[in-house]
Amino acid sequence: MGESLSRFSMETVGTISSEIPMGYRFLPTDEELVTYYLHNKVFLRPLPAVPIQEIDARDFYSNPPDNLVISSKREREYFFFIQDENRGGNIREIEDGRGFWKSSEDEIPIYDRDGNIFAFKIYWTYFTHSAKTKRARKTHWRMQVYRLPVHCYKEQKLVLGRVKRNMDG
């Protein structure tokens, strides 16, 4: 599973990089990610660019972050549209027990310029080993997951994940 997913990511990143002008850095704010990407994707509107790959939640959460991204000294942020399973809970264990994502449990509202809530964000940290052991160690991988309010979704919930590899890793 991880090998084919990595190959898919390489092909996708190659396609994405050929569409982005040389020297371009994709550094969107929370509001820009939600407004121009997540909102447009959920409501089937065109996206301004395609630097975000789509992945099923089962595939995303069954792989450690190293298998999901292309290693680069220059890039430290990666973006994914994740078809969420609405699994809930604050821990998402990687399939083979190599690690798990743990949330801060606090869902933070994101406000528009008029002070209205138009999305939510939750922070996740990746740990090595199983959540069921005392050997679990925090890694340098962090993730912010953005979602729209529940009434915006008709069927399957789509979220946007911003995965970051901190400098200490």
Protein backbone atom coordinates (compact mmCIF):
# COMPACT_ATOMS: atom_id res chain seq x y z
CA MET A 1 0.00 0.00 0.00
CA GLY A 2 2.69 2.55 0.99
CA GLU A 3 4.83 1.88 -2.10
CA SER A 4 2.01 2.45 -4.58
CA LEU A 5 0.86 5.51 -2.65
CA SER A 6 4.37 6.98 -2.78
CA ARG A 7 4.50 6.38 -6.54
CA PHE A 8 1.10 8.10 -6.87
CA SER A 9 2.38 11.05 -4.85
CA MET A 10 5.51 11.33 -7.05
CA GLU A 11 3.37 11.41 -10.20
CA THR A 12 0.94 13.90 -8.68
CA VAL A 13 3.69 16.20 -7.42
CA GLY A 14 5.38 16.07 -10.84
CA THR A 15 2.14 17.13 -12.51
CA ILE A 16 1.48 19.82 -9.94
CA SER A 17 4.99 21.26 -10.17
CA SER A 18 4.72 21.53 -13.96
CA GLU A 19 1.58 23.67 -13.53
CA ILE A 20 3.13 26.10 -11.03
CA PRO A 21 5.47 28.85 -12.27
CA MET A 22 9.16 28.64 -11.33
CA GLY A 23 9.85 30.31 -7.97
CA TYR A 24 6.21 30.11 -6.88
CA ARG A 25 5.64 29.26 -3.21
CA PHE A 26 2.23 28.07 -2.07
CA LEU A 27 1.84 29.75 1.33
CA PRO A 28 -1.90 30.31 1.82
CA THR A 29 -3.45 31.69 4.99
CA ASP A 30 -6.20 29.76 6.81
CA GLU A 31 -8.84 31.99 5.25
CA GLU A 32 -7.41 31.51 1.73
CA LEU A 33 -7.26 27.71 2.12
CA VAL A 34 -10.86 27.54 3.23
CA THR A 35 -12.29 30.18 0.87
CA TYR A 36 -10.49 29.41 -2.38
CA TYR A 37 -9.77 25.71 -2.02
CA LEU A 38 -11.95 23.80 0.47
CA HIS A 39 -15.12 25.81 -0.13
CA ASN A 40 -14.70 25.69 -3.91
CA LYS A 41 -13.91 21.95 -3.88
CA VAL A 42 -16.93 21.08 -1.72
CA PHE A 43 -19.28 23.16 -3.89
CA LEU A 44 -17.74 21.81 -7.13
CA ARG A 45 -16.38 25.19 -8.24
CA PRO A 46 -13.08 25.60 -10.11
CA LEU A 47 -9.92 25.87 -8.00
CA PRO A 48 -7.43 28.69 -8.66
CA ALA A 49 -4.56 26.17 -9.00
CA VAL A 50 -4.07 22.46 -8.32
CA PRO A 51 -1.28 22.17 -5.73
CA ILE A 52 -3.46 20.00 -3.47
CA GLN A 53 -3.85 16.27 -4.01
CA GLU A 54 -6.95 14.32 -3.02
CA ILE A 55 -6.74 11.16 -0.93
CA ASP A 56 -9.17 8.86 0.85
CA ALA A 57 -9.04 8.97 4.66
CA ARG A 58 -8.27 5.22 4.82
CA ASP A 59 -5.20 5.70 2.61
CA PHE A 60 -4.12 8.85 4.41
CA TYR A 61 -4.39 7.43 7.92
CA SER A 62 -2.92 4.03 7.04
CA ASN A 63 0.46 5.56 6.15
CA PRO A 64 3.01 7.48 8.19
CA PRO A 65 3.51 11.06 6.92
CA ASP A 66 6.93 10.18 5.41
CA ASN A 67 5.13 7.89 2.92
CA LEU A 68 2.61 10.56 1.94
CA VAL A 69 4.97 13.35 0.92
CA ILE A 70 7.96 13.83 -1.31
CA SER A 71 10.98 14.53 0.86
CA SER A 72 12.44 17.94 0.12
CA LYS A 73 14.74 20.24 2.04
CA ARG A 74 12.92 23.23 0.58
CA GLU A 75 9.31 22.24 1.19
CA ARG A 76 8.02 21.75 4.71
CA GLU A 77 4.26 22.01 4.10
CA TYR A 78 2.06 19.63 2.13
CA PHE A 79 -1.65 19.88 1.39
CA PHE A 80 -4.30 17.18 0.96
CA PHE A 81 -8.03 17.07 0.34
CA ILE A 82 -9.05 14.16 2.53
CA GLN A 83 -12.30 12.28 1.97
CA ASP A 84 -13.11 12.02 5.67
CA GLU A 85 -14.85 9.00 7.13
CA ASN A 86 -16.27 10.94 10.09
CA ARG A 87 -14.46 8.49 12.37
CA GLY A 88 -14.33 11.01 15.18
CA GLY A 89 -12.11 10.57 18.19
CA ASN A 90 -8.83 12.26 18.98
CA ILE A 91 -6.50 9.41 17.90
CA ARG A 92 -6.11 7.95 14.42
CA GLU A 93 -3.86 4.91 14.56
CA ILE A 94 -1.73 4.00 11.55
CA GLU A 95 -2.76 0.54 10.27
CA ASP A 96 0.34 -1.43 11.26
CA GLY A 97 0.96 0.25 14.63
CA ARG A 98 3.98 2.26 13.41
CA GLY A 99 2.43 5.46 14.67
CA PHE A 100 -0.67 7.54 15.21
CA TRP A 101 -2.07 11.04 14.81
CA LYS A 102 -3.37 12.62 18.03
CA SER A 103 -5.54 15.72 18.02
CA SER A 104 -5.53 18.62 20.43
CA GLU A 105 -9.28 17.91 20.77
CA ASP A 106 -10.05 21.63 20.56
CA GLU A 107 -11.81 22.58 17.34
CA ILE A 108 -10.99 26.22 16.66
CA PRO A 109 -13.53 28.34 14.76
CA ILE A 110 -12.23 30.38 11.82
CA TYR A 111 -14.01 33.69 11.34
CA ASP A 112 -14.57 35.65 8.14
CA ARG A 113 -14.01 39.41 7.96
CA ASP A 114 -17.52 40.05 9.26
CA GLY A 115 -16.93 37.94 12.39
CA ASN A 116 -19.00 34.93 11.25
CA ILE A 117 -17.74 31.38 11.71
CA PHE A 118 -17.17 29.90 8.26
CA ALA A 119 -14.89 26.94 9.07
CA PHE A 120 -13.15 25.01 11.85
CA LYS A 121 -9.56 23.94 12.40
CA ILE A 122 -8.11 21.21 14.58
CA TYR A 123 -4.43 20.52 15.30
CA TRP A 124 -2.90 17.03 15.10
CA THR A 125 0.56 15.71 16.06
CA TYR A 126 2.12 12.51 14.75
CA PHE A 127 3.65 10.02 17.23
CA THR A 128 5.74 6.94 16.53
CA HIS A 129 4.73 3.49 17.86
CA SER A 130 1.23 2.52 18.91
CA ALA A 131 -1.02 4.77 20.99
CA LYS A 132 -1.48 1.77 23.27
CA THR A 133 2.18 1.63 24.37
CA LYS A 134 4.27 3.82 26.62
CA ARG A 135 6.98 3.98 23.93
CA ALA A 136 5.01 6.50 21.84
CA ARG A 137 7.16 9.53 20.97
CA LYS A 138 6.12 12.85 19.48
CA THR A 139 7.62 13.47 16.03
CA HIS A 140 8.32 16.61 14.01
CA TRP A 141 5.12 16.12 11.94
CA ARG A 142 2.10 18.35 12.61
CA MET A 143 -1.18 18.70 10.79
CA GLN A 144 -3.97 21.25 10.72
CA VAL A 145 -7.30 19.93 9.45
CA TYR A 146 -9.87 22.39 8.13
CA ARG A 147 -13.54 21.59 7.72
CA LEU A 148 -16.63 23.54 6.79
CA PRO A 149 -19.69 23.71 9.08
CA VAL A 150 -21.75 20.50 8.95
CA HIS A 151 -24.64 22.09 7.02
CA CYS A 152 -22.32 22.68 4.03
CA TYR A 153 -21.89 18.97 3.32
CA LYS A 154 -24.47 17.03 1.34
CA GLU A 155 -22.86 13.60 1.36
CA GLN A 156 -19.29 12.62 2.14
CA LYS A 157 -17.33 15.09 4.19
CA LEU A 158 -14.22 16.55 2.57
CA VAL A 159 -11.59 18.20 4.76
CA LEU A 160 -8.34 19.94 3.89
CA GLY A 161 -5.15 18.89 5.69
CA ARG A 162 -2.03 21.06 5.95
CA VAL A 163 0.80 18.68 6.94
CA LYS A 164 3.97 20.35 8.24
CA ARG A 165 7.40 18.92 8.83
CA ASN A 166 9.01 21.09 11.51
CA MET A 167 12.67 22.12 11.31
CA ASP A 168 13.80 19.76 14.08
CA GLY A 169 13.09 16.68 11.99
